[in-house]
Amino acid sequence: MNKLLATLIAGFFAAGVFAQAPAAPAAAPAAAPAKVEAKADMKAAKEEKKAEHKAVKAEKKAHKADKKAEKVAAAPAPAPVADKK
């Protein structure tokens, strides 16, 4: 019982000391602009990557259309079918 009482008193003492601790230093808000700048950089990089992806996709689409046009041009004309009567 004495150990329990001593633990409770020590806990209350520690809680009281913690509650009276000084506030956090004011240096934390100064880091916020760097975070905003990093976020803007990430957004710009994302937009650049998206634009690059669209360009590659359009290039592939154009290449595919060219291949299809070549295939159609290279295909022999179908032989005329004689009418059977």
C-alpha atoms as a PDB file:
ATOM      1  CA  MET A   1       0.000   0.000   0.000  1.00  0.00           C
ATOM      2  CA  ASN A   2       2.893   2.351   0.730  1.00  0.00           C
ATOM      3  CA  LYS A   3       4.363   1.678  -2.724  1.00  0.00           C
ATOM      4  CA  LEU A   4       1.027   2.454  -4.343  1.00  0.00           C
ATOM      5  CA  LEU A   5       0.696   5.691  -2.428  1.00  0.00           C
ATOM      6  CA  ALA A   6       4.274   6.692  -3.297  1.00  0.00           C
ATOM      7  CA  THR A   7       3.615   5.937  -7.003  1.00  0.00           C
ATOM      8  CA  LEU A   8       0.446   8.052  -6.998  1.00  0.00           C
ATOM      9  CA  ILE A   9       2.190  10.989  -5.347  1.00  0.00           C
ATOM     10  CA  ALA A  10       5.111  10.761  -7.789  1.00  0.00           C
ATOM     11  CA  GLY A  11       2.649  10.634 -10.695  1.00  0.00           C
ATOM     12  CA  PHE A  12       0.797  13.731  -9.504  1.00  0.00           C
ATOM     13  CA  PHE A  13       4.090  15.530  -9.018  1.00  0.00           C
ATOM     14  CA  ALA A  14       5.220  14.628 -12.554  1.00  0.00           C
ATOM     15  CA  ALA A  15       1.876  15.731 -14.015  1.00  0.00           C
ATOM     16  CA  GLY A  16       2.130  19.049 -12.188  1.00  0.00           C
ATOM     17  CA  VAL A  17       5.643  19.670 -13.458  1.00  0.00           C
ATOM     18  CA  PHE A  18       4.624  18.748 -17.012  1.00  0.00           C
ATOM     19  CA  ALA A  19       1.635  21.108 -16.902  1.00  0.00           C
ATOM     20  CA  GLN A  20       3.880  24.010 -15.833  1.00  0.00           C
ATOM     21  CA  ALA A  21       6.465  23.434 -18.569  1.00  0.00           C
ATOM     22  CA  PRO A  22       7.088  26.431 -20.849  1.00  0.00           C
ATOM     23  CA  ALA A  23       5.371  26.489 -24.244  1.00  0.00           C
ATOM     24  CA  ALA A  24       7.116  25.194 -27.348  1.00  0.00           C
ATOM     25  CA  PRO A  25       9.606  27.588 -28.938  1.00  0.00           C
ATOM     26  CA  ALA A  26       8.340  29.890 -31.698  1.00  0.00           C
ATOM     27  CA  ALA A  27      10.689  28.349 -34.291  1.00  0.00           C
ATOM     28  CA  ALA A  28       8.049  25.859 -35.462  1.00  0.00           C
ATOM     29  CA  PRO A  29       5.930  28.392 -37.437  1.00  0.00           C
ATOM     30  CA  ALA A  30       9.025  29.515 -39.366  1.00  0.00           C
ATOM     31  CA  ALA A  31       9.206  26.074 -41.002  1.00  0.00           C
ATOM     32  CA  ALA A  32       5.723  26.438 -42.497  1.00  0.00           C
ATOM     33  CA  PRO A  33       6.778  28.488 -45.579  1.00  0.00           C
ATOM     34  CA  ALA A  34       9.332  25.818 -46.497  1.00  0.00           C
ATOM     35  CA  LYS A  35       6.580  23.228 -46.319  1.00  0.00           C
ATOM     36  CA  VAL A  36       4.329  25.320 -48.554  1.00  0.00           C
ATOM     37  CA  GLU A  37       7.184  25.796 -51.023  1.00  0.00           C
ATOM     38  CA  ALA A  38       7.910  22.066 -51.060  1.00  0.00           C
ATOM     39  CA  LYS A  39       4.232  21.371 -51.671  1.00  0.00           C
ATOM     40  CA  ALA A  40       4.214  23.811 -54.598  1.00  0.00           C
ATOM     41  CA  ASP A  41       7.309  22.122 -56.041  1.00  0.00           C
ATOM     42  CA  MET A  42       5.656  18.724 -55.756  1.00  0.00           C
ATOM     43  CA  LYS A  43       2.553  20.036 -57.512  1.00  0.00           C
ATOM     44  CA  ALA A  44       4.643  21.528 -60.324  1.00  0.00           C
ATOM     45  CA  ALA A  45       6.548  18.259 -60.743  1.00  0.00           C
ATOM     46  CA  LYS A  46       3.280  16.346 -60.849  1.00  0.00           C
ATOM     47  CA  GLU A  47       1.857  18.663 -63.531  1.00  0.00           C
ATOM     48  CA  GLU A  48       5.072  18.339 -65.569  1.00  0.00           C
ATOM     49  CA  LYS A  49       4.939  14.552 -65.341  1.00  0.00           C
ATOM     50  CA  LYS A  50       1.270  14.586 -66.358  1.00  0.00           C
ATOM     51  CA  ALA A  51       2.019  16.761 -69.401  1.00  0.00           C
ATOM     52  CA  GLU A  52       4.883  14.473 -70.391  1.00  0.00           C
ATOM     53  CA  HIS A  53       2.620  11.437 -70.079  1.00  0.00           C
ATOM     54  CA  LYS A  54       0.001  13.088 -72.303  1.00  0.00           C
ATOM     55  CA  ALA A  55       2.652  13.886 -74.914  1.00  0.00           C
ATOM     56  CA  VAL A  56       3.896  10.294 -74.941  1.00  0.00           C
ATOM     57  CA  LYS A  57       0.341   9.009 -75.191  1.00  0.00           C
ATOM     58  CA  ALA A  58      -0.419  11.327 -78.132  1.00  0.00           C
ATOM     59  CA  GLU A  59       2.802  10.243 -79.845  1.00  0.00           C
ATOM     60  CA  LYS A  60       1.875   6.579 -79.449  1.00  0.00           C
ATOM     61  CA  LYS A  61      -1.595   7.273 -80.810  1.00  0.00           C
ATOM     62  CA  ALA A  62      -0.151   9.047 -83.863  1.00  0.00           C
ATOM     63  CA  HIS A  63       2.298   6.204 -84.446  1.00  0.00           C
ATOM     64  CA  LYS A  64      -0.514   3.678 -84.231  1.00  0.00           C
ATOM     65  CA  ALA A  65      -2.586   5.668 -86.744  1.00  0.00           C
ATOM     66  CA  ASP A  66       0.407   5.813 -89.125  1.00  0.00           C
ATOM     67  CA  LYS A  67       0.904   2.052 -88.847  1.00  0.00           C
ATOM     68  CA  LYS A  68      -2.768   1.466 -89.561  1.00  0.00           C
ATOM     69  CA  ALA A  69      -2.662   3.763 -92.593  1.00  0.00           C
ATOM     70  CA  GLU A  70       0.404   1.940 -93.915  1.00  0.00           C
ATOM     71  CA  LYS A  71      -1.285  -1.401 -93.404  1.00  0.00           C
ATOM     72  CA  VAL A  72      -4.400  -0.294 -95.289  1.00  0.00           C
ATOM     73  CA  ALA A  73      -2.307   1.186 -98.126  1.00  0.00           C
ATOM     74  CA  ALA A  74      -0.153  -1.949 -98.399  1.00  0.00           C
ATOM     75  CA  ALA A  75      -3.090  -4.357 -98.421  1.00  0.00           C
ATOM     76  CA  PRO A  76      -3.830  -5.695-101.878  1.00  0.00           C
ATOM     77  CA  ALA A  77      -7.124  -4.759-103.409  1.00  0.00           C
ATOM     78  CA  PRO A  78      -9.662  -7.566-103.167  1.00  0.00           C
ATOM     79  CA  ALA A  79     -10.151  -9.551-106.347  1.00  0.00           C
ATOM     80  CA  PRO A  80     -13.348  -8.798-108.198  1.00  0.00           C
ATOM     81  CA  VAL A  81     -16.017 -11.369-107.596  1.00  0.00           C
ATOM     82  CA  ALA A  82     -17.788 -12.662-110.663  1.00  0.00           C
ATOM     83  CA  ASP A  83     -21.542 -12.772-110.449  1.00  0.00           C
ATOM     84  CA  LYS A  84     -22.883 -16.275-110.674  1.00  0.00           C
ATOM     85  CA  LYS A  85     -26.183 -16.604-112.471  1.00  0.00           C
END
